Amino acid sequence: MRMSSRVIGGVMIAALLTQLTACGSIFFPDRRGQIDGKIDPMIAVLDAVGLLFYVIPGLIAFGVDFATGAIYFPPGKTAHIAPQKLQDAIGADGKVDNSKLQTILERELGGSFPLDDPRLIQHTGSVQQLALYGLAPAA
């Protein structure tokens, strides 16, 4: 009898912990108060996991996230830089100087961007690839 009550207690604690971590209002309290926007797939998936395992707590997690607005991406979090400002980072040979680009990004966007990180994936392209997408090279 004592063992079964411990197992049931352990399952209940695990259920409550998974629901607390699956709630967007706990992950992102700064997003509360939003009315609408684009839904954050990470929060939706975490709420759906709660819905799969524990129906009532999962519904509560979805309800709380929609009611508080924590399930939505924060508005106005896009970054745009005028192409003219990026011209300084392009050398005479057409190659991008990462140190100059990093300086421009930090100055314009106010954040740190480690462009020398070995995990950074850089893609190279050609004029033919741009033409396939209907784009014209304008560097």
N, C-alpha and C. Protein backbone atom coordinates (compact mmCIF):
# COMPACT_ATOMS: atom_id res chain seq x y z
N MET A 1 0.82 -1.19 0.00
CA MET A 1 0.00 0.00 0.00
C MET A 1 0.86 1.26 0.00
N ARG A 2 1.93 1.21 0.78
CA ARG A 2 2.80 2.36 0.89
C ARG A 2 3.51 2.65 -0.45
N MET A 3 3.88 1.59 -1.16
CA MET A 3 4.58 1.74 -2.43
C MET A 3 3.66 2.34 -3.49
N SER A 4 2.41 1.91 -3.53
CA SER A 4 1.50 2.43 -4.55
C SER A 4 1.20 3.90 -4.32
N SER A 5 1.10 4.34 -3.08
CA SER A 5 0.85 5.76 -2.82
C SER A 5 2.05 6.61 -3.23
N ARG A 6 3.25 6.08 -3.10
CA ARG A 6 4.44 6.81 -3.55
C ARG A 6 4.47 6.91 -5.08
N VAL A 7 4.08 5.83 -5.74
CA VAL A 7 4.05 5.84 -7.20
C VAL A 7 3.01 6.85 -7.69
N ILE A 8 1.83 6.82 -7.08
CA ILE A 8 0.78 7.76 -7.48
C ILE A 8 1.22 9.19 -7.20
N GLY A 9 1.84 9.42 -6.06
CA GLY A 9 2.35 10.76 -5.74
C GLY A 9 3.42 11.21 -6.72
N GLY A 10 4.30 10.30 -7.10
CA GLY A 10 5.34 10.62 -8.07
C GLY A 10 4.77 10.97 -9.43
N VAL A 11 3.74 10.22 -9.85
CA VAL A 11 3.09 10.50 -11.13
C VAL A 11 2.40 11.86 -11.08
N MET A 12 1.76 12.18 -9.98
CA MET A 12 1.08 13.47 -9.85
C MET A 12 2.08 14.63 -9.88
N ILE A 13 3.20 14.46 -9.21
CA ILE A 13 4.22 15.50 -9.22
C ILE A 13 4.80 15.68 -10.62
N ALA A 14 5.04 14.57 -11.31
CA ALA A 14 5.55 14.66 -12.69
C ALA A 14 4.54 15.35 -13.59
N ALA A 15 3.25 15.04 -13.41
CA ALA A 15 2.21 15.67 -14.23
C ALA A 15 2.16 17.16 -13.98
N LEU A 16 2.23 17.58 -12.74
CA LEU A 16 2.19 19.00 -12.44
C LEU A 16 3.44 19.73 -12.95
N LEU A 17 4.60 19.10 -12.82
CA LEU A 17 5.83 19.74 -13.31
C LEU A 17 5.82 19.89 -14.83
N THR A 18 5.33 18.87 -15.54
CA THR A 18 5.30 19.00 -17.00
C THR A 18 4.32 20.07 -17.43
N GLN A 19 3.24 20.25 -16.71
CA GLN A 19 2.29 21.29 -17.08
C GLN A 19 2.80 22.67 -16.74
N LEU A 20 3.55 22.78 -15.65
CA LEU A 20 4.11 24.08 -15.32
C LEU A 20 5.16 24.50 -16.34
N THR A 21 5.93 23.55 -16.85
CA THR A 21 6.95 23.91 -17.84
C THR A 21 6.37 24.06 -19.23
N ALA A 22 5.16 23.58 -19.47
CA ALA A 22 4.55 23.67 -20.79
C ALA A 22 3.69 24.91 -20.94
N CYS A 23 3.69 25.76 -19.99
CA CYS A 23 2.82 26.93 -20.05
C CYS A 23 3.63 28.14 -20.50
N GLY A 24 3.20 28.78 -21.58
CA GLY A 24 3.92 29.92 -22.13
C GLY A 24 3.96 31.11 -21.21
N SER A 25 2.96 31.23 -20.35
CA SER A 25 2.96 32.38 -19.44
C SER A 25 4.04 32.25 -18.38
N ILE A 26 4.55 31.04 -18.17
CA ILE A 26 5.67 30.87 -17.23
C ILE A 26 6.99 31.07 -17.96
N PHE A 27 7.08 30.57 -19.21
CA PHE A 27 8.31 30.75 -19.99
C PHE A 27 8.53 32.21 -20.36
N PHE A 28 7.48 32.88 -20.81
CA PHE A 28 7.58 34.25 -21.32
C PHE A 28 6.57 35.15 -20.61
N PRO A 29 6.85 35.55 -19.38
CA PRO A 29 5.89 36.42 -18.69
C PRO A 29 5.78 37.81 -19.32
N ASP A 30 6.80 38.21 -20.09
CA ASP A 30 6.75 39.52 -20.73
C ASP A 30 5.76 39.57 -21.90
N ARG A 31 5.28 38.42 -22.36
CA ARG A 31 4.33 38.38 -23.47
C ARG A 31 2.88 38.53 -23.02
N ARG A 32 2.64 38.52 -21.74
CA ARG A 32 1.26 38.62 -21.24
C ARG A 32 0.63 39.93 -21.66
N GLY A 33 -0.66 39.89 -21.91
CA GLY A 33 -1.40 41.09 -22.26
C GLY A 33 -1.58 41.31 -23.75
N GLN A 34 -1.05 40.43 -24.58
CA GLN A 34 -1.23 40.57 -26.02
C GLN A 34 -2.62 40.06 -26.41
N ILE A 35 -3.19 40.66 -27.41
CA ILE A 35 -4.53 40.27 -27.85
C ILE A 35 -4.45 39.26 -28.98
N ASP A 36 -3.57 39.51 -29.93
CA ASP A 36 -3.43 38.58 -31.05
C ASP A 36 -2.02 38.69 -31.62
N GLY A 37 -1.76 37.89 -32.62
CA GLY A 37 -0.45 37.88 -33.25
C GLY A 37 -0.18 36.52 -33.85
N LYS A 38 1.06 36.29 -34.19
CA LYS A 38 1.46 35.01 -34.75
C LYS A 38 1.77 34.06 -33.60
N ILE A 39 1.21 32.85 -33.67
CA ILE A 39 1.37 31.88 -32.59
C ILE A 39 2.78 31.31 -32.59
N ASP A 40 3.38 31.27 -31.42
CA ASP A 40 4.71 30.70 -31.23
C ASP A 40 4.58 29.17 -31.26
N PRO A 41 5.17 28.50 -32.25
CA PRO A 41 5.01 27.05 -32.35
C PRO A 41 5.61 26.29 -31.18
N MET A 42 6.65 26.81 -30.56
CA MET A 42 7.25 26.12 -29.43
C MET A 42 6.26 26.02 -28.27
N ILE A 43 5.58 27.10 -27.96
CA ILE A 43 4.61 27.10 -26.87
C ILE A 43 3.41 26.23 -27.24
N ALA A 44 2.98 26.30 -28.49
CA ALA A 44 1.84 25.49 -28.91
C ALA A 44 2.16 24.00 -28.81
N VAL A 45 3.36 23.61 -29.19
CA VAL A 45 3.75 22.19 -29.10
C VAL A 45 3.84 21.75 -27.64
N LEU A 46 4.41 22.58 -26.80
CA LEU A 46 4.50 22.23 -25.38
C LEU A 46 3.11 22.10 -24.75
N ASP A 47 2.21 22.99 -25.11
CA ASP A 47 0.83 22.86 -24.62
C ASP A 47 0.17 21.61 -25.19
N ALA A 48 0.45 21.28 -26.44
CA ALA A 48 -0.13 20.08 -27.06
C ALA A 48 0.39 18.81 -26.41
N VAL A 49 1.63 18.80 -25.98
CA VAL A 49 2.16 17.63 -25.26
C VAL A 49 1.38 17.43 -23.97
N GLY A 50 1.10 18.53 -23.29
CA GLY A 50 0.28 18.44 -22.10
C GLY A 50 -1.12 17.96 -22.42
N LEU A 51 -1.61 18.35 -23.57
CA LEU A 51 -2.94 17.91 -23.99
C LEU A 51 -2.97 16.43 -24.32
N LEU A 52 -1.88 15.90 -24.87
CA LEU A 52 -1.82 14.48 -25.20
C LEU A 52 -1.78 13.59 -23.96
N PHE A 53 -0.99 14.01 -22.98
CA PHE A 53 -0.83 13.16 -21.80
C PHE A 53 -1.90 13.40 -20.74
N TYR A 54 -2.24 14.64 -20.54
CA TYR A 54 -3.19 14.99 -19.48
C TYR A 54 -4.19 15.96 -20.08
N VAL A 55 -5.36 15.49 -20.45
CA VAL A 55 -6.31 16.28 -21.23
C VAL A 55 -6.72 17.56 -20.51
N ILE A 56 -7.15 17.46 -19.29
CA ILE A 56 -7.64 18.64 -18.57
C ILE A 56 -6.52 19.66 -18.33
N PRO A 57 -5.36 19.26 -17.80
CA PRO A 57 -4.29 20.26 -17.63
C PRO A 57 -3.81 20.84 -18.97
N GLY A 58 -3.84 20.03 -20.03
CA GLY A 58 -3.45 20.54 -21.34
C GLY A 58 -4.41 21.61 -21.83
N LEU A 59 -5.70 21.37 -21.63
CA LEU A 59 -6.70 22.38 -22.01
C LEU A 59 -6.54 23.64 -21.18
N ILE A 60 -6.22 23.46 -19.91
CA ILE A 60 -6.00 24.62 -19.05
C ILE A 60 -4.78 25.40 -19.52
N ALA A 61 -3.70 24.69 -19.91
CA ALA A 61 -2.49 25.38 -20.39
C ALA A 61 -2.79 26.17 -21.66
N PHE A 62 -3.54 25.57 -22.60
CA PHE A 62 -3.92 26.31 -23.81
C PHE A 62 -4.78 27.50 -23.45
N GLY A 63 -5.75 27.29 -22.57
CA GLY A 63 -6.64 28.38 -22.18
C GLY A 63 -5.91 29.53 -21.53
N VAL A 64 -4.98 29.22 -20.63
CA VAL A 64 -4.22 30.26 -19.95
C VAL A 64 -3.34 31.01 -20.94
N ASP A 65 -2.69 30.27 -21.85
CA ASP A 65 -1.80 30.93 -22.81
C ASP A 65 -2.56 31.82 -23.78
N PHE A 66 -3.74 31.37 -24.23
CA PHE A 66 -4.53 32.22 -25.12
C PHE A 66 -5.13 33.39 -24.36
N ALA A 67 -5.58 33.16 -23.15
CA ALA A 67 -6.20 34.24 -22.37
C ALA A 67 -5.20 35.32 -22.00
N THR A 68 -3.97 34.92 -21.67
CA THR A 68 -2.96 35.91 -21.29
C THR A 68 -2.21 36.47 -22.50
N GLY A 69 -2.29 35.78 -23.64
CA GLY A 69 -1.57 36.22 -24.83
C GLY A 69 -0.14 35.74 -24.87
N ALA A 70 0.24 34.86 -23.96
CA ALA A 70 1.62 34.39 -23.90
C ALA A 70 1.96 33.43 -25.03
N ILE A 71 0.96 32.93 -25.74
CA ILE A 71 1.22 31.98 -26.83
C ILE A 71 1.64 32.70 -28.10
N TYR A 72 1.48 34.01 -28.16
CA TYR A 72 1.81 34.78 -29.36
C TYR A 72 3.24 35.29 -29.31
N PHE A 73 3.86 35.39 -30.49
CA PHE A 73 5.16 36.04 -30.60
C PHE A 73 5.01 37.50 -30.19
N PRO A 74 6.04 38.10 -29.61
CA PRO A 74 5.94 39.53 -29.27
C PRO A 74 5.91 40.38 -30.54
N PRO A 75 5.11 41.43 -30.55
CA PRO A 75 5.01 42.26 -31.75
C PRO A 75 6.24 43.14 -31.93
N GLY A 76 6.53 43.47 -33.18
CA GLY A 76 7.59 44.41 -33.49
C GLY A 76 8.99 43.91 -33.23
N LYS A 77 9.21 42.62 -33.28
CA LYS A 77 10.54 42.08 -33.01
C LYS A 77 11.25 41.71 -34.31
N THR A 78 11.09 42.52 -35.33
CA THR A 78 11.81 42.28 -36.58
C THR A 78 12.91 43.33 -36.70
N ALA A 79 13.91 42.99 -37.44
CA ALA A 79 15.04 43.90 -37.61
C ALA A 79 15.28 44.12 -39.10
N HIS A 80 15.35 45.38 -39.47
CA HIS A 80 15.62 45.73 -40.85
C HIS A 80 16.76 46.74 -40.88
N ILE A 81 17.65 46.51 -41.80
CA ILE A 81 18.76 47.43 -42.01
C ILE A 81 18.74 47.81 -43.47
N ALA A 82 18.88 49.08 -43.73
CA ALA A 82 18.90 49.56 -45.12
C ALA A 82 20.10 48.96 -45.85
N PRO A 83 19.89 48.51 -47.08
CA PRO A 83 21.01 47.91 -47.84
C PRO A 83 22.19 48.87 -48.03
N GLN A 84 21.91 50.17 -48.06
CA GLN A 84 23.00 51.14 -48.23
C GLN A 84 23.96 51.09 -47.05
N LYS A 85 23.46 50.82 -45.86
CA LYS A 85 24.32 50.75 -44.68
C LYS A 85 25.18 49.49 -44.69
N LEU A 86 24.73 48.46 -45.38
CA LEU A 86 25.48 47.21 -45.45
C LEU A 86 26.57 47.24 -46.52
N GLN A 87 26.54 48.24 -47.39
CA GLN A 87 27.53 48.34 -48.46
C GLN A 87 28.96 48.46 -47.91
N ASP A 88 29.10 49.05 -46.72
CA ASP A 88 30.44 49.22 -46.14
C ASP A 88 31.10 47.89 -45.82
N ALA A 89 30.31 46.84 -45.61
CA ALA A 89 30.86 45.53 -45.25
C ALA A 89 31.31 44.73 -46.45
N ILE A 90 30.98 45.19 -47.65
CA ILE A 90 31.35 44.47 -48.87
C ILE A 90 32.62 45.07 -49.44
N GLY A 91 33.61 44.22 -49.62
CA GLY A 91 34.90 44.66 -50.15
C GLY A 91 34.85 44.88 -51.65
N ALA A 92 35.96 45.34 -52.22
CA ALA A 92 36.05 45.61 -53.66
C ALA A 92 35.93 44.33 -54.47
N ASP A 93 36.33 43.19 -53.87
CA ASP A 93 36.25 41.93 -54.58
C ASP A 93 34.87 41.27 -54.45
N GLY A 94 33.93 41.91 -53.74
CA GLY A 94 32.59 41.36 -53.58
C GLY A 94 32.41 40.45 -52.38
N LYS A 95 33.47 40.26 -51.62
CA LYS A 95 33.41 39.41 -50.42
C LYS A 95 32.94 40.25 -49.22
N VAL A 96 32.25 39.60 -48.32
CA VAL A 96 31.75 40.26 -47.12
C VAL A 96 32.80 40.15 -46.02
N ASP A 97 33.13 41.29 -45.43
CA ASP A 97 34.06 41.32 -44.30
C ASP A 97 33.24 41.13 -43.02
N ASN A 98 33.43 39.98 -42.37
CA ASN A 98 32.63 39.64 -41.19
C ASN A 98 32.81 40.63 -40.05
N SER A 99 34.01 41.15 -39.84
CA SER A 99 34.23 42.09 -38.74
C SER A 99 33.49 43.40 -38.99
N LYS A 100 33.51 43.89 -40.22
CA LYS A 100 32.77 45.11 -40.55
C LYS A 100 31.27 44.86 -40.46
N LEU A 101 30.82 43.70 -40.93
CA LEU A 101 29.40 43.37 -40.86
C LEU A 101 28.94 43.28 -39.40
N GLN A 102 29.76 42.67 -38.56
CA GLN A 102 29.43 42.55 -37.14
C GLN A 102 29.33 43.93 -36.50
N THR A 103 30.23 44.83 -36.84
CA THR A 103 30.20 46.18 -36.30
C THR A 103 28.93 46.92 -36.73
N ILE A 104 28.56 46.78 -38.00
CA ILE A 104 27.34 47.43 -38.50
C ILE A 104 26.11 46.88 -37.81
N LEU A 105 26.03 45.56 -37.67
CA LEU A 105 24.87 44.95 -37.02
C LEU A 105 24.75 45.37 -35.57
N GLU A 106 25.88 45.40 -34.86
CA GLU A 106 25.84 45.82 -33.46
C GLU A 106 25.45 47.28 -33.32
N ARG A 107 25.91 48.12 -34.24
CA ARG A 107 25.58 49.55 -34.17
C ARG A 107 24.10 49.78 -34.49
N GLU A 108 23.59 49.12 -35.52
CA GLU A 108 22.23 49.36 -35.97
C GLU A 108 21.18 48.64 -35.13
N LEU A 109 21.48 47.42 -34.70
CA LEU A 109 20.48 46.62 -34.00
C LEU A 109 20.66 46.60 -32.49
N GLY A 110 21.82 47.03 -32.02
CA GLY A 110 22.04 47.11 -30.59
C GLY A 110 22.22 45.76 -29.91
N GLY A 111 22.66 44.76 -30.62
CA GLY A 111 22.88 43.45 -30.02
C GLY A 111 24.23 42.90 -30.40
N SER A 112 24.58 41.79 -29.80
CA SER A 112 25.85 41.15 -30.09
C SER A 112 25.61 39.99 -31.06
N PHE A 113 26.35 39.97 -32.14
CA PHE A 113 26.20 38.93 -33.15
C PHE A 113 27.56 38.31 -33.42
N PRO A 114 27.82 37.13 -32.86
CA PRO A 114 29.14 36.50 -33.02
C PRO A 114 29.27 35.84 -34.39
N LEU A 115 29.69 36.61 -35.37
CA LEU A 115 29.83 36.08 -36.72
C LEU A 115 31.06 35.20 -36.88
N ASP A 116 31.93 35.19 -35.88
CA ASP A 116 33.11 34.32 -35.95
C ASP A 116 32.88 33.00 -35.23
N ASP A 117 31.67 32.74 -34.80
CA ASP A 117 31.33 31.48 -34.12
C ASP A 117 31.48 30.32 -35.10
N PRO A 118 32.16 29.24 -34.70
CA PRO A 118 32.36 28.12 -35.63
C PRO A 118 31.05 27.38 -35.97
N ARG A 119 30.00 27.59 -35.18
CA ARG A 119 28.71 26.93 -35.47
C ARG A 119 27.90 27.69 -36.50
N LEU A 120 28.35 28.88 -36.88
CA LEU A 120 27.64 29.70 -37.85
C LEU A 120 27.71 29.05 -39.22
N ILE A 121 26.58 28.88 -39.85
CA ILE A 121 26.52 28.28 -41.18
C ILE A 121 26.43 29.40 -42.20
N GLN A 122 27.41 29.45 -43.09
CA GLN A 122 27.43 30.47 -44.12
C GLN A 122 27.19 29.81 -45.47
N HIS A 123 26.34 30.43 -46.23
CA HIS A 123 26.01 29.92 -47.55
C HIS A 123 26.60 30.84 -48.61
N THR A 124 27.11 30.24 -49.64
CA THR A 124 27.59 31.02 -50.77
C THR A 124 26.63 30.81 -51.92
N GLY A 125 26.53 31.78 -52.74
CA GLY A 125 25.61 31.68 -53.87
C GLY A 125 26.25 32.21 -55.13
N SER A 126 25.48 32.15 -56.19
CA SER A 126 25.97 32.64 -57.47
C SER A 126 24.86 33.45 -58.14
N VAL A 127 25.22 34.10 -59.21
CA VAL A 127 24.25 34.89 -59.97
C VAL A 127 23.16 33.98 -60.55
N GLN A 128 23.55 32.76 -60.93
CA GLN A 128 22.57 31.82 -61.48
C GLN A 128 21.53 31.41 -60.43
N GLN A 129 21.96 31.24 -59.19
CA GLN A 129 21.01 30.90 -58.14
C GLN A 129 20.04 32.04 -57.88
N LEU A 130 20.53 33.27 -57.91
CA LEU A 130 19.64 34.41 -57.76
C LEU A 130 18.62 34.47 -58.88
N ALA A 131 19.08 34.17 -60.10
CA ALA A 131 18.18 34.21 -61.24
C ALA A 131 17.08 33.15 -61.12
N LEU A 132 17.40 32.00 -60.54
CA LEU A 132 16.40 30.96 -60.35
C LEU A 132 15.27 31.43 -59.43
N TYR A 133 15.60 32.28 -58.48
CA TYR A 133 14.59 32.82 -57.56
C TYR A 133 13.96 34.11 -58.08
N GLY A 134 14.36 34.53 -59.26
CA GLY A 134 13.80 35.75 -59.83
C GLY A 134 14.38 37.02 -59.23
N LEU A 135 15.58 36.93 -58.67
CA LEU A 135 16.22 38.08 -58.03
C LEU A 135 17.36 38.58 -58.90
N ALA A 136 17.62 39.85 -58.81
CA ALA A 136 18.74 40.44 -59.54
C ALA A 136 19.83 40.81 -58.54
N PRO A 137 21.10 40.52 -58.85
CA PRO A 137 22.17 40.88 -57.93
C PRO A 137 22.30 42.40 -57.85
N ALA A 138 22.36 42.89 -56.61
CA ALA A 138 22.48 44.34 -56.41
C ALA A 138 23.35 44.59 -55.19
N ALA A 139 24.62 44.29 -55.31
CA ALA A 139 25.51 44.47 -54.17
C ALA A 139 26.31 45.74 -54.30
